[in-house]
Amino acid sequence: MTLSHESPGAGSVSGRSPQSPERTTAPSDPAGAGSVSGRSPQGAERTTAAPTDPENRSAPEETPRRAPGPTEATTPGTAPAEATAPGTGTAADPAKPAAGRRGRRGRKALFLTVALVATLLLLALVSAGTGAYRIPTADVLASAQHRLGLGGAPLDRVGESVLWNVRLPRVVLALLVGASLGCAGALMQGVFGNPLAEPGVIGISAGAAVGAVAAIGLGLSFFGNWTITVCAFVAGLITVSSVYLLSRNGGKTEVVTLILTGIAVNAFAGALIGLFVFFADSGQVNQITFWQLGSLAQATWPKVLAVLPCAVAGLLVAPFYARRLDLLSLGERPARHLGVDVERLRLALILVVALLTAAAVAVAGVITFIGLLVPHLLRMANGPGHRFLVPGSALAGAVVLVAGDLAARTLAQPAELPLGVLTALIGSPFFFWLLRRTRRKQGGWA
């Protein structure tokens, strides 16, 4: 800062307010040449004024009432006193819209949750009574009340057998599989930070398919009727573990490396499936094809009990990672600065996704587009926050798959459409529309 020496009795202060030039120099400075640089006028007054000068001393409570000078309005780090004065509401104003948005979003999330639960219960009742053997909804409720000891009345022998041995296992299995796939899709998209991610990206579905096809093609039967299910589940877990280990380098795992490794493993798994199909006989080929198309036609209570522990464990654990997924959506580096162990989070969530997806694929075959589209729909409805998105995707996935299974059983009676084919037929055009909408909204992909 340059001092002015043109006048022997005058001091120069940089950034000084022109309103009070006589207060910039202490009375004890005989030459009046004191200089203060980088100070606001208020700071200069307190620094150079004599502490015993009653004219230059200002009480603390009077400071906010003083109108800011021209320099104070432009000095960095200096805010008008009214912005921090209690009771004025100025400091709280920016927080009010954000709090209002959070409140509206919370109410919308609650409304969507209630609507999804109500829709799921209604679809379950309708699906349990609809089919070649028609059972009225009131009779379904009466039979359920009778089984629970709450009154009601049982159905006839055929009706009870159809309801409890055929329909309800299928409805419950559709609920579990749909919830597992929807939740796994939301977790995958959060982990990879990519809305196009789904459980099949890292080879879980393809690996489980290889296990099932190998069990069918080789005629394995060491677990009896459970052989295909067990082989599919174990092969899915082995595949995702291999993808993770192959993409790990220097103690870190990059998202791009995971995706590329998953693509390579998917291609290799497809080749293995084709090889098994080539050497299988006609009966085995039909079984392999039916399994790959996805279906819940073989649903039984033992299969429900087989997938239940994996699905419940994954669905209960997943919501606890919602806050860390929100932080991860800011980017890996900001998430690390905010205390998130990104590598541990990614490993834990990949294991949860593998558990959910392998169990679902093992009992229902390959069912596509549930994990990809359901989280998109909920983001469009309530935003990207994972606190609602993760459990909401589980509920919405269950709704979609119960409705899809009902359509697969009834649209082409007495035949039954493969469930995986139906979800792909509906999901592909919707996904194309979603891509067009996203591109139009963002103005292109570049």
Protein backbone atom coordinates (compact mmCIF):
# COMPACT_ATOMS: atom_id res chain seq x y z
CA MET A 1 0.00 0.00 0.00
CA THR A 2 1.40 3.44 -0.93
CA LEU A 3 1.57 6.24 1.65
CA SER A 4 1.02 9.81 0.56
CA HIS A 5 3.81 12.24 1.62
CA GLU A 6 2.64 15.36 -0.17
CA SER A 7 1.35 16.94 3.05
CA PRO A 8 3.42 16.54 6.24
CA GLY A 9 0.41 16.53 8.50
CA ALA A 10 -1.90 14.18 6.67
CA GLY A 11 -2.01 10.36 6.82
CA SER A 12 -3.33 8.10 4.11
CA VAL A 13 -5.37 4.98 4.77
CA SER A 14 -6.20 2.54 1.93
CA GLY A 15 -9.84 1.49 1.69
CA ARG A 16 -10.84 4.40 4.00
CA SER A 17 -14.40 5.63 4.08
CA PRO A 18 -14.62 9.29 3.04
CA GLN A 19 -17.26 9.91 5.68
CA SER A 20 -14.90 10.14 8.69
CA PRO A 21 -11.35 11.14 7.67
CA GLU A 22 -10.62 12.73 11.02
CA ARG A 23 -11.00 9.40 12.86
CA THR A 24 -8.32 7.47 11.05
CA THR A 25 -5.37 8.78 13.03
CA ALA A 26 -4.82 8.40 16.74
CA PRO A 27 -4.37 11.64 18.74
CA SER A 28 -1.02 10.37 19.96
CA ASP A 29 0.41 10.42 16.39
CA PRO A 30 1.99 13.84 16.10
CA ALA A 31 2.72 13.62 12.42
CA GLY A 32 -0.62 12.07 11.56
CA ALA A 33 1.10 9.72 9.14
CA GLY A 34 -0.30 6.40 10.42
CA SER A 35 -1.40 4.00 7.72
CA VAL A 36 -3.68 0.99 7.94
CA SER A 37 -3.88 -1.36 4.95
CA GLY A 38 -6.52 -3.98 4.19
CA ARG A 39 -8.87 -2.74 6.96
CA SER A 40 -12.47 -1.75 6.83
CA PRO A 41 -13.25 1.70 8.26
CA GLN A 42 -14.74 0.13 11.34
CA GLY A 43 -11.60 -1.91 11.92
CA ALA A 44 -9.45 1.17 11.37
CA GLU A 45 -11.38 3.11 13.98
CA ARG A 46 -10.91 0.42 16.59
CA THR A 47 -7.22 0.01 15.83
CA THR A 48 -5.99 3.60 15.68
CA ALA A 49 -8.37 5.39 17.97
CA ALA A 50 -7.23 6.08 21.51
CA PRO A 51 -9.04 3.87 24.00
CA THR A 52 -9.71 6.83 26.26
CA ASP A 53 -11.29 8.94 23.58
CA PRO A 54 -15.02 8.90 24.27
CA GLU A 55 -15.75 10.37 20.88
CA ASN A 56 -14.06 7.56 18.98
CA ARG A 57 -15.29 4.67 21.14
CA SER A 58 -18.55 3.03 20.03
CA ALA A 59 -20.64 0.63 22.07
CA PRO A 60 -21.00 -2.91 20.66
CA GLU A 61 -24.76 -2.69 20.56
CA GLU A 62 -24.69 0.38 18.36
CA THR A 63 -22.60 -1.22 15.61
CA PRO A 64 -25.41 -3.07 13.77
CA ARG A 65 -27.51 0.11 13.61
CA ARG A 66 -24.83 2.12 11.79
CA ALA A 67 -25.39 2.34 8.04
CA PRO A 68 -22.55 0.62 6.15
CA GLY A 69 -20.17 2.85 4.27
CA PRO A 70 -19.33 2.52 0.61
CA THR A 71 -16.19 0.51 1.36
CA GLU A 72 -18.01 -1.95 3.61
CA ALA A 73 -20.44 -2.83 0.86
CA THR A 74 -17.60 -3.98 -1.39
CA THR A 75 -15.05 -5.35 1.09
CA PRO A 76 -14.77 -9.17 0.91
CA GLY A 77 -15.83 -10.96 4.04
CA THR A 78 -17.91 -8.03 5.32
CA ALA A 79 -21.65 -8.52 5.40
CA PRO A 80 -24.31 -5.98 6.31
CA ALA A 81 -25.23 -6.14 9.96
CA GLU A 82 -28.88 -6.70 9.17
CA ALA A 83 -28.05 -10.10 7.60
CA THR A 84 -27.05 -11.48 10.98
CA ALA A 85 -29.35 -9.52 13.25
CA PRO A 86 -31.68 -11.87 15.12
CA GLY A 87 -35.35 -11.47 14.47
CA THR A 88 -34.96 -9.88 11.06
CA GLY A 89 -35.43 -13.17 9.18
CA THR A 90 -32.81 -12.26 6.59
CA ALA A 91 -30.42 -15.12 7.43
CA ALA A 92 -33.23 -17.66 7.61
CA ASP A 93 -34.79 -16.73 4.26
CA PRO A 94 -32.52 -18.93 2.05
CA ALA A 95 -33.22 -21.95 4.27
CA LYS A 96 -37.00 -21.57 4.10
CA PRO A 97 -37.42 -22.69 0.46
CA ALA A 98 -35.10 -25.65 1.03
CA ALA A 99 -37.02 -26.69 4.15
CA GLY A 100 -40.26 -26.33 2.22
CA ARG A 101 -38.96 -28.51 -0.60
CA ARG A 102 -37.81 -31.16 1.86
CA GLY A 103 -41.21 -31.11 3.53
CA ARG A 104 -43.05 -31.48 0.22
CA ARG A 105 -40.72 -34.26 -0.87
CA GLY A 106 -41.21 -36.07 2.44
CA ARG A 107 -44.99 -35.87 2.10
CA LYS A 108 -44.78 -37.09 -1.49
CA ALA A 109 -42.56 -40.00 -0.40
CA LEU A 110 -45.07 -40.96 2.29
CA PHE A 111 -47.94 -40.76 -0.19
CA LEU A 112 -46.05 -42.90 -2.73
CA THR A 113 -45.20 -45.48 -0.08
CA VAL A 114 -48.82 -45.79 1.04
CA ALA A 115 -49.99 -45.99 -2.59
CA LEU A 116 -47.44 -48.70 -3.43
CA VAL A 117 -48.36 -50.79 -0.38
CA ALA A 118 -52.08 -50.49 -1.12
CA THR A 119 -51.53 -51.37 -4.80
CA LEU A 120 -49.41 -54.37 -3.86
CA LEU A 121 -52.04 -55.74 -1.47
CA LEU A 122 -54.80 -55.25 -4.03
CA LEU A 123 -52.78 -56.94 -6.79
CA ALA A 124 -51.92 -59.84 -4.48
CA LEU A 125 -55.60 -60.43 -3.70
CA VAL A 126 -56.63 -60.20 -7.36
CA SER A 127 -53.78 -62.46 -8.48
CA ALA A 128 -54.58 -65.06 -5.83
CA GLY A 129 -58.16 -65.38 -7.10
CA THR A 130 -57.59 -65.06 -10.86
CA GLY A 131 -56.83 -67.99 -13.14
CA ALA A 132 -58.35 -71.04 -14.74
CA TYR A 133 -60.05 -71.80 -11.42
CA ARG A 134 -61.77 -68.57 -10.39
CA ILE A 135 -61.88 -67.72 -6.66
CA PRO A 136 -63.74 -64.58 -5.56
CA THR A 137 -61.77 -62.07 -3.54
CA ALA A 138 -64.14 -62.39 -0.58
CA ASP A 139 -63.50 -66.15 -0.50
CA VAL A 140 -59.75 -65.56 -0.60
CA LEU A 141 -60.02 -63.26 2.43
CA ALA A 142 -62.32 -65.70 4.23
CA SER A 143 -59.89 -68.57 3.67
CA ALA A 144 -56.96 -66.48 4.88
CA GLN A 145 -58.86 -65.50 8.02
CA HIS A 146 -59.69 -69.14 8.66
CA ARG A 147 -56.03 -70.17 8.32
CA LEU A 148 -55.00 -67.41 10.73
CA GLY A 149 -57.66 -68.36 13.27
CA LEU A 150 -59.55 -65.07 12.87
CA GLY A 151 -62.87 -66.52 11.79
CA GLY A 152 -63.83 -66.80 8.17
CA ALA A 153 -64.56 -70.08 6.41
CA PRO A 154 -62.49 -72.52 4.38
CA LEU A 155 -63.08 -73.16 0.68
CA ASP A 156 -63.89 -76.50 -0.83
CA ARG A 157 -61.09 -79.04 -1.18
CA VAL A 158 -60.13 -78.04 -4.73
CA GLY A 159 -60.31 -74.33 -3.96
CA GLU A 160 -58.14 -74.66 -0.86
CA SER A 161 -55.56 -76.68 -2.76
CA VAL A 162 -55.44 -74.26 -5.70
CA LEU A 163 -55.24 -71.20 -3.46
CA TRP A 164 -52.66 -72.39 -0.93
CA ASN A 165 -50.54 -74.77 -2.99
CA VAL A 166 -50.50 -73.03 -6.39
CA ARG A 167 -51.57 -69.38 -6.31
CA LEU A 168 -50.22 -67.99 -3.03
CA PRO A 169 -46.70 -69.48 -3.39
CA ARG A 170 -46.53 -67.87 -6.83
CA VAL A 171 -47.74 -64.50 -5.56
CA VAL A 172 -45.30 -64.50 -2.62
CA LEU A 173 -42.41 -65.59 -4.87
CA ALA A 174 -43.24 -62.83 -7.37
CA LEU A 175 -43.27 -60.34 -4.50
CA LEU A 176 -39.86 -61.46 -3.21
CA VAL A 177 -38.21 -61.67 -6.63
CA GLY A 178 -39.58 -58.29 -7.75
CA ALA A 179 -38.54 -56.59 -4.51
CA SER A 180 -35.04 -58.11 -4.76
CA LEU A 181 -34.53 -57.04 -8.37
CA GLY A 182 -35.91 -53.52 -7.83
CA CYS A 183 -33.78 -52.90 -4.75
CA ALA A 184 -30.69 -54.37 -6.44
CA GLY A 185 -31.20 -52.04 -9.41
CA ALA A 186 -31.39 -48.96 -7.18
CA LEU A 187 -28.22 -50.02 -5.34
CA MET A 188 -26.35 -50.70 -8.58
CA GLN A 189 -27.23 -47.33 -10.05
CA GLY A 190 -26.14 -45.62 -6.84
CA VAL A 191 -22.84 -47.51 -6.63
CA PHE A 192 -21.91 -46.92 -10.26
CA GLY A 193 -23.35 -43.41 -10.44
CA ASN A 194 -24.94 -44.41 -13.73
CA PRO A 195 -28.70 -44.58 -14.37
CA LEU A 196 -28.12 -47.29 -16.99
CA ALA A 197 -26.64 -49.73 -14.49
CA GLU A 198 -28.50 -52.88 -13.50
CA PRO A 199 -27.58 -56.12 -11.71
CA GLY A 200 -26.70 -57.81 -15.00
CA VAL A 201 -23.94 -55.28 -15.67
CA ILE A 202 -21.43 -57.08 -13.45
CA GLY A 203 -22.39 -60.55 -14.64
CA ILE A 204 -24.60 -61.79 -11.81
CA SER A 205 -27.50 -62.84 -14.02
CA ALA A 206 -25.27 -64.36 -16.68
CA GLY A 207 -23.24 -66.26 -14.07
CA ALA A 208 -26.37 -67.64 -12.45
CA ALA A 209 -27.64 -68.67 -15.88
CA VAL A 210 -24.37 -70.56 -16.54
CA GLY A 211 -24.81 -72.46 -13.27
CA ALA A 212 -28.38 -73.43 -14.07
CA VAL A 213 -27.60 -74.37 -17.67
CA ALA A 214 -24.62 -76.47 -16.55
CA ALA A 215 -26.80 -78.32 -14.06
CA ILE A 216 -29.38 -79.04 -16.76
CA GLY A 217 -26.93 -79.88 -19.53
CA LEU A 218 -24.74 -82.14 -17.40
CA GLY A 219 -27.71 -83.84 -15.78
CA LEU A 220 -26.60 -83.00 -12.23
CA SER A 221 -28.92 -84.13 -9.43
CA PHE A 222 -26.86 -84.19 -6.22
CA PHE A 223 -29.37 -81.82 -4.53
CA GLY A 224 -32.47 -83.40 -6.00
CA ASN A 225 -35.02 -80.83 -7.14
CA TRP A 226 -32.82 -78.10 -5.64
CA THR A 227 -29.83 -78.79 -7.89
CA ILE A 228 -30.58 -76.13 -10.51
CA THR A 229 -31.39 -73.51 -7.89
CA VAL A 230 -28.26 -74.19 -5.84
CA CYS A 231 -25.99 -74.24 -8.90
CA ALA A 232 -27.44 -70.97 -10.19
CA PHE A 233 -27.05 -69.25 -6.83
CA VAL A 234 -23.45 -70.42 -6.29
CA ALA A 235 -22.44 -69.60 -9.88
CA GLY A 236 -23.87 -66.07 -9.56
CA LEU A 237 -21.87 -65.40 -6.39
CA ILE A 238 -18.69 -66.84 -7.94
CA THR A 239 -19.15 -64.68 -11.04
CA VAL A 240 -19.56 -61.40 -9.19
CA SER A 241 -16.59 -62.25 -6.95
CA SER A 242 -14.47 -62.92 -10.03
CA VAL A 243 -15.52 -59.62 -11.63
CA TYR A 244 -14.62 -57.72 -8.48
CA LEU A 245 -11.23 -59.39 -8.06
CA LEU A 246 -10.31 -58.99 -11.74
CA SER A 247 -11.18 -55.29 -11.72
CA ARG A 248 -9.30 -54.55 -8.47
CA ASN A 249 -5.89 -52.94 -8.85
CA GLY A 250 -3.67 -51.42 -6.19
CA GLY A 251 -6.30 -51.84 -3.49
CA LYS A 252 -8.85 -49.82 -5.47
CA THR A 253 -11.68 -50.63 -7.82
CA GLU A 254 -12.69 -48.14 -10.50
CA VAL A 255 -16.23 -48.00 -11.82
CA VAL A 256 -15.18 -48.09 -15.46
CA THR A 257 -13.00 -51.15 -14.85
CA LEU A 258 -15.87 -52.92 -13.10
CA ILE A 259 -18.24 -52.25 -15.99
CA LEU A 260 -15.77 -53.35 -18.66
CA THR A 261 -14.88 -56.49 -16.71
CA GLY A 262 -18.58 -57.25 -16.30
CA ILE A 263 -19.11 -56.89 -20.05
CA ALA A 264 -16.25 -59.31 -20.74
CA VAL A 265 -17.57 -61.83 -18.18
CA ASN A 266 -21.08 -61.56 -19.65
CA ALA A 267 -19.71 -62.35 -23.10
CA PHE A 268 -17.80 -65.36 -21.75
CA ALA A 269 -20.88 -66.59 -19.89
CA GLY A 270 -22.95 -66.30 -23.06
CA ALA A 271 -20.40 -68.43 -24.88
CA LEU A 272 -20.56 -71.08 -22.15
CA ILE A 273 -24.36 -71.15 -22.32
CA GLY A 274 -24.23 -71.60 -26.08
CA LEU A 275 -21.73 -74.44 -25.66
CA PHE A 276 -23.98 -76.27 -23.20
CA VAL A 277 -26.99 -75.79 -25.49
CA PHE A 278 -25.00 -77.20 -28.41
CA PHE A 279 -24.20 -80.44 -26.58
CA ALA A 280 -27.61 -80.84 -24.88
CA ASP A 281 -30.37 -83.07 -26.20
CA SER A 282 -33.77 -81.77 -27.25
CA GLY A 283 -35.37 -82.19 -23.82
CA GLN A 284 -32.53 -80.36 -22.10
CA VAL A 285 -32.62 -77.60 -24.73
CA ASN A 286 -36.31 -77.02 -24.03
CA GLN A 287 -35.64 -76.87 -20.29
CA ILE A 288 -32.71 -74.48 -20.74
CA THR A 289 -34.73 -72.23 -23.02
CA PHE A 290 -37.69 -72.14 -20.65
CA TRP A 291 -35.45 -71.32 -17.70
CA GLN A 292 -33.66 -68.51 -19.57
CA LEU A 293 -36.96 -66.89 -20.54
CA GLY A 294 -37.90 -66.49 -16.87
CA SER A 295 -41.02 -67.88 -15.24
CA LEU A 296 -42.68 -68.43 -11.87
CA ALA A 297 -44.66 -71.46 -13.03
CA GLN A 298 -42.66 -73.80 -10.81
CA ALA A 299 -43.28 -71.76 -7.64
CA THR A 300 -43.68 -73.81 -4.47
CA TRP A 301 -43.45 -73.05 -0.77
CA PRO A 302 -39.98 -74.69 -0.52
CA LYS A 303 -38.72 -72.31 -3.24
CA VAL A 304 -40.25 -69.40 -1.37
CA LEU A 305 -38.43 -70.50 1.78
CA ALA A 306 -35.20 -70.85 -0.22
CA VAL A 307 -35.22 -67.26 -1.49
CA LEU A 308 -36.77 -65.75 1.65
CA PRO A 309 -33.61 -65.51 3.86
CA CYS A 310 -31.49 -63.94 1.10
CA ALA A 311 -34.21 -61.49 0.07
CA VAL A 312 -35.07 -60.43 3.63
CA ALA A 313 -31.42 -60.02 4.61
CA GLY A 314 -30.64 -57.89 1.57
CA LEU A 315 -33.79 -55.79 1.81
CA LEU A 316 -33.19 -55.06 5.50
CA VAL A 317 -29.53 -54.13 5.07
CA ALA A 318 -29.87 -51.98 1.94
CA PRO A 319 -31.67 -48.92 3.47
CA PHE A 320 -28.82 -48.40 5.97
CA TYR A 321 -26.57 -47.39 3.06
CA ALA A 322 -28.95 -44.72 1.73
CA ARG A 323 -27.15 -41.73 3.30
CA ARG A 324 -23.72 -42.90 2.06
CA LEU A 325 -25.15 -43.41 -1.43
CA ASP A 326 -26.41 -39.81 -1.37
CA LEU A 327 -22.90 -38.64 -0.47
CA LEU A 328 -21.37 -40.88 -3.14
CA SER A 329 -23.61 -39.25 -5.73
CA LEU A 330 -21.58 -36.05 -5.20
CA GLY A 331 -18.50 -37.86 -6.52
CA GLU A 332 -15.89 -40.17 -5.06
CA ARG A 333 -13.53 -37.43 -3.89
CA PRO A 334 -16.20 -35.32 -2.11
CA ALA A 335 -17.61 -38.51 -0.55
CA ARG A 336 -14.17 -39.40 0.84
CA HIS A 337 -13.78 -35.90 2.26
CA LEU A 338 -17.16 -36.32 3.96
CA GLY A 339 -16.03 -39.52 5.68
CA VAL A 340 -17.28 -42.23 3.33
CA ASP A 341 -14.99 -45.23 2.80
CA VAL A 342 -15.85 -45.56 -0.90
CA GLU A 343 -14.05 -48.85 -1.47
CA ARG A 344 -15.67 -50.55 1.52
CA LEU A 345 -19.08 -49.15 0.57
CA ARG A 346 -18.74 -50.43 -2.98
CA LEU A 347 -17.69 -53.90 -1.83
CA ALA A 348 -20.52 -54.16 0.71
CA LEU A 349 -23.18 -53.07 -1.78
CA ILE A 350 -21.91 -55.36 -4.52
CA LEU A 351 -22.23 -58.26 -2.09
CA VAL A 352 -25.79 -57.19 -1.20
CA VAL A 353 -26.69 -56.89 -4.89
CA ALA A 354 -25.15 -60.31 -5.59
CA LEU A 355 -27.15 -61.87 -2.76
CA LEU A 356 -30.44 -60.36 -3.93
CA THR A 357 -29.96 -61.01 -7.64
CA ALA A 358 -28.49 -64.51 -7.41
CA ALA A 359 -31.35 -65.67 -5.19
CA ALA A 360 -33.96 -64.14 -7.51
CA VAL A 361 -32.44 -65.53 -10.70
CA ALA A 362 -31.93 -68.97 -9.14
CA VAL A 363 -35.65 -69.48 -8.53
CA ALA A 364 -37.21 -67.47 -11.37
CA GLY A 365 -34.73 -67.46 -14.24
CA VAL A 366 -33.54 -64.37 -16.08
CA ILE A 367 -36.08 -61.52 -15.71
CA THR A 368 -34.93 -58.26 -17.28
CA PHE A 369 -35.71 -54.55 -16.99
CA ILE A 370 -37.13 -54.62 -13.44
CA GLY A 371 -33.91 -53.39 -11.85
CA LEU A 372 -33.34 -50.89 -14.65
CA LEU A 373 -36.71 -49.18 -15.03
CA VAL A 374 -38.23 -49.21 -11.53
CA PRO A 375 -35.62 -46.84 -9.97
CA HIS A 376 -36.04 -44.49 -12.96
CA LEU A 377 -39.79 -44.26 -12.38
CA LEU A 378 -39.31 -43.41 -8.70
CA ARG A 379 -36.67 -40.78 -9.49
CA MET A 380 -39.11 -39.15 -11.87
CA ALA A 381 -41.77 -39.22 -9.14
CA ASN A 382 -39.79 -38.10 -6.07
CA GLY A 383 -36.22 -37.21 -6.98
CA PRO A 384 -32.90 -39.02 -6.53
CA GLY A 385 -32.71 -39.27 -2.72
CA HIS A 386 -31.84 -42.85 -1.74
CA ARG A 387 -33.64 -42.68 1.60
CA PHE A 388 -36.89 -43.28 -0.27
CA LEU A 389 -35.47 -44.66 -3.51
CA VAL A 390 -34.01 -47.88 -2.07
CA PRO A 391 -37.07 -49.17 -0.14
CA GLY A 392 -39.41 -47.61 -2.70
CA SER A 393 -37.71 -49.54 -5.50
CA ALA A 394 -38.27 -52.76 -3.56
CA LEU A 395 -41.99 -52.01 -3.22
CA ALA A 396 -42.36 -50.87 -6.83
CA GLY A 397 -40.42 -53.91 -8.10
CA ALA A 398 -42.78 -56.20 -6.19
CA VAL A 399 -45.80 -54.37 -7.66
CA VAL A 400 -44.45 -54.61 -11.21
CA LEU A 401 -43.58 -58.30 -11.01
CA VAL A 402 -46.85 -59.35 -9.34
CA ALA A 403 -48.75 -57.47 -12.04
CA GLY A 404 -46.50 -58.94 -14.75
CA ASP A 405 -47.02 -62.47 -13.49
CA LEU A 406 -50.78 -61.94 -13.40
CA ALA A 407 -50.66 -60.73 -17.01
CA ALA A 408 -48.43 -63.65 -18.06
CA ARG A 409 -50.97 -66.13 -16.66
CA THR A 410 -54.10 -64.52 -18.08
CA LEU A 411 -53.28 -62.81 -21.40
CA ALA A 412 -52.86 -66.00 -23.42
CA GLN A 413 -55.02 -68.52 -21.53
CA PRO A 414 -54.82 -71.47 -21.38
CA ALA A 415 -51.17 -70.96 -22.36
CA GLU A 416 -48.75 -68.98 -20.20
CA LEU A 417 -46.37 -66.31 -21.48
CA PRO A 418 -42.77 -66.39 -20.23
CA LEU A 419 -42.43 -63.67 -17.61
CA GLY A 420 -38.99 -62.52 -18.76
CA VAL A 421 -40.28 -62.10 -22.31
CA LEU A 422 -43.25 -60.05 -21.11
CA THR A 423 -41.14 -57.70 -18.99
CA ALA A 424 -38.75 -57.22 -21.93
CA LEU A 425 -41.62 -56.51 -24.34
CA ILE A 426 -43.00 -53.83 -22.02
CA GLY A 427 -39.69 -52.55 -20.68
CA SER A 428 -37.84 -52.05 -23.96
CA PRO A 429 -40.20 -49.44 -25.49
CA PHE A 430 -40.48 -47.69 -22.15
CA PHE A 431 -36.70 -47.60 -21.82
CA PHE A 432 -36.42 -46.18 -25.34
CA TRP A 433 -38.91 -43.44 -24.41
CA LEU A 434 -36.93 -42.76 -21.25
CA LEU A 435 -33.71 -42.35 -23.24
CA ARG A 436 -35.40 -39.96 -25.67
CA ARG A 437 -36.87 -37.97 -22.80
CA THR A 438 -33.52 -37.71 -21.02
CA ARG A 439 -31.72 -36.69 -24.18
CA ARG A 440 -34.33 -34.05 -25.03
CA LYS A 441 -34.23 -32.69 -21.47
CA GLN A 442 -30.41 -32.49 -21.36
CA GLY A 443 -30.07 -31.18 -24.90
CA GLY A 444 -27.96 -34.10 -26.14
CA TRP A 445 -25.41 -36.53 -24.78
CA ALA A 446 -22.22 -34.59 -25.58
